[in-house]
């Protein structure tokens, strides 16, 4: 055994922080084994943990994990001198280091090299887009705005009207707001004036594509845009019918996922569209942008021509992506600090039932007292209910209550989920599919006794004991079984997150068999299809979905929602973004399953991912020259984007 190997083995055997995962420990030992010093190895492990938690960087002065001590100026200086670390200003060199140092120290923030490349590339591209205007057409005048906003005197529409008025003349637009604030109809009106301006500038209608990070969100986006277009058309007068051509341009292509828009190569990695082969689009709209992670946004920006307008839409107060970064929150923070008319925050809720809005507002504001008051008010209206969950016994009682609600949604005067329907009876099939939207149990945790996986298993077991389902007790498939696709199957048109329900279907020969009903693809919905049916044996990998994680619910809405929080008030998953996201999935009524301590902890603790995207967007750094492709500011990546 060499001295280096003996030294690394000795260091690797020392007691390690309990917070480290197996992958963090493996990286720590790998750095030591290849000659790295102990401080660098420990920094690498903490950085790995931070990356796993969604941080794009590790703030050495204010670490995201409570068990990691803050680094002193001397320690940071030693880390900067390590051959394993590249500082922002210079490339470190050293015989023991790999050819390209895997870690980058930028000020007091330590990055994995890939995250640093992505963050700096995204910031550079966004700064460039904000700096250069695109349209030669003046903003829409009052006549145009009055045509699109018939109730122009309504003060509640002032911000929507402002967003539409300011839409032209930008290469980056951001629209943020909570549920029911009119984001989709505002986007459509923005697209109408943008299409009008593009036609005036270029003599042709623009090529518009709309997308979302997930298949479920893309389906909802397509449906919302069709409903919004119908609403706008109902308000147009005979003299305003010229807008129909622009509406057609906005709806010419069905909504898709971002990956599909970019031409994902699947397991091969990378995308078809990139800097060398940009998207053939003039306007790109991304809904549910809070779910975008840093790397996907980098790939999207790299694939856009410099004159393509990017419109990001979403709720900046929701949970951030499962991946790295909090891009929408950071972008909104940077743009609010330097107002240029390219950001609009919608706050007025247009829903007829606004009893839940004060609850949302109190959570967003981090106000426990305001939340308690708003919750009491909603409870007196029958819109909110609190179930104190402190142990498994109290959880079991809540599940019994939930099971009764679920039974009532599947067996009632209008629906018997065990009754068979004709294959071509789209209305009856749609009614069964709509039962999924009536209620949903959402969990902050996925694993453990209070997690979505365990609760789904318990509910599935209980459902099979219902007398109405006795004929299927020994079968894996039964009417009312709710499943979620867990892996994309592009050929079938089913994607991760799609939810379906098992139904009994009669064919032309009057034979009855079980199928799984899903919502139509955006393309099929445009053609009028309401439901898709699949043989259960042909489904891609899937799982029962009687309970979902809050993360999985993003992009969906339900009439009634129950949100289960961890009973431990110290759980790191208790934060206001998670609580707000879960509660805002409810359209009519909600329940909170949690102890008072857990609720207070969630409201008062904000989830902040470490990184410097907002600061980089506001930095006074040189941007690409006017007329140069925005993608030129993007760094290279393995997929060539």
Foldseek 3Di string as FASTA:
>chain_A
DDPLQVVLVVVLPDDDDPLFDPVLSVQLSVCSSLPFDNLLSNLSSLQVSQQQVFFQWAQQQDGPDPVDDRDDPVSVVVNCQTQLEAEPVGHHHDPSHDPHRQWYCYPRIIGGPVSVQLLLQLLQLLLQQAVFWFFPDQFDDPVLLCQQVVPVVPPLCVLLSLLLRLLHGTQEFEEAEFPQLCQLLSVLSNQLRVQVRCCVVPVDGFQEAEEEAFQLLLVVSLVSNVVSVVVSVVSHDPVRCVSVVSSCNHNVDRYYHLCVQQQAPPPVGDGPAFQVHARRGQEYEYEQCQQDASVSSLRNSRRHWQRRHYYYYYHLLAHHHSGHDRPVVLVVLLCVVPPDSRYTYGYDRPDPDCLCVQLLVLLSVLHLVSNVVSQVSCVVVVFEAEQADQDVVSVVVVLVVVLVVLVPLQDDPVHPQADAEAPPPQVNQLSLFCSVQAEAEAELACDDCRHQVNSLVVSVLVVCPDPVNVVCNPPPDTGFFKKAACDDDVVVPHHGLWIWTWGWYAYPVRDIDIWTKTADRSVVVVVPHGIDTHDVVPGHDMDTGRHYYLNSCPSAAHQEYEYEYDADLPDPSQASNSVSSRSSSHDGHYYYHHHSSSVSSHSNHHDDHHDCSSVSSNDPDDHDDPPDTSSVSRDADPNGD
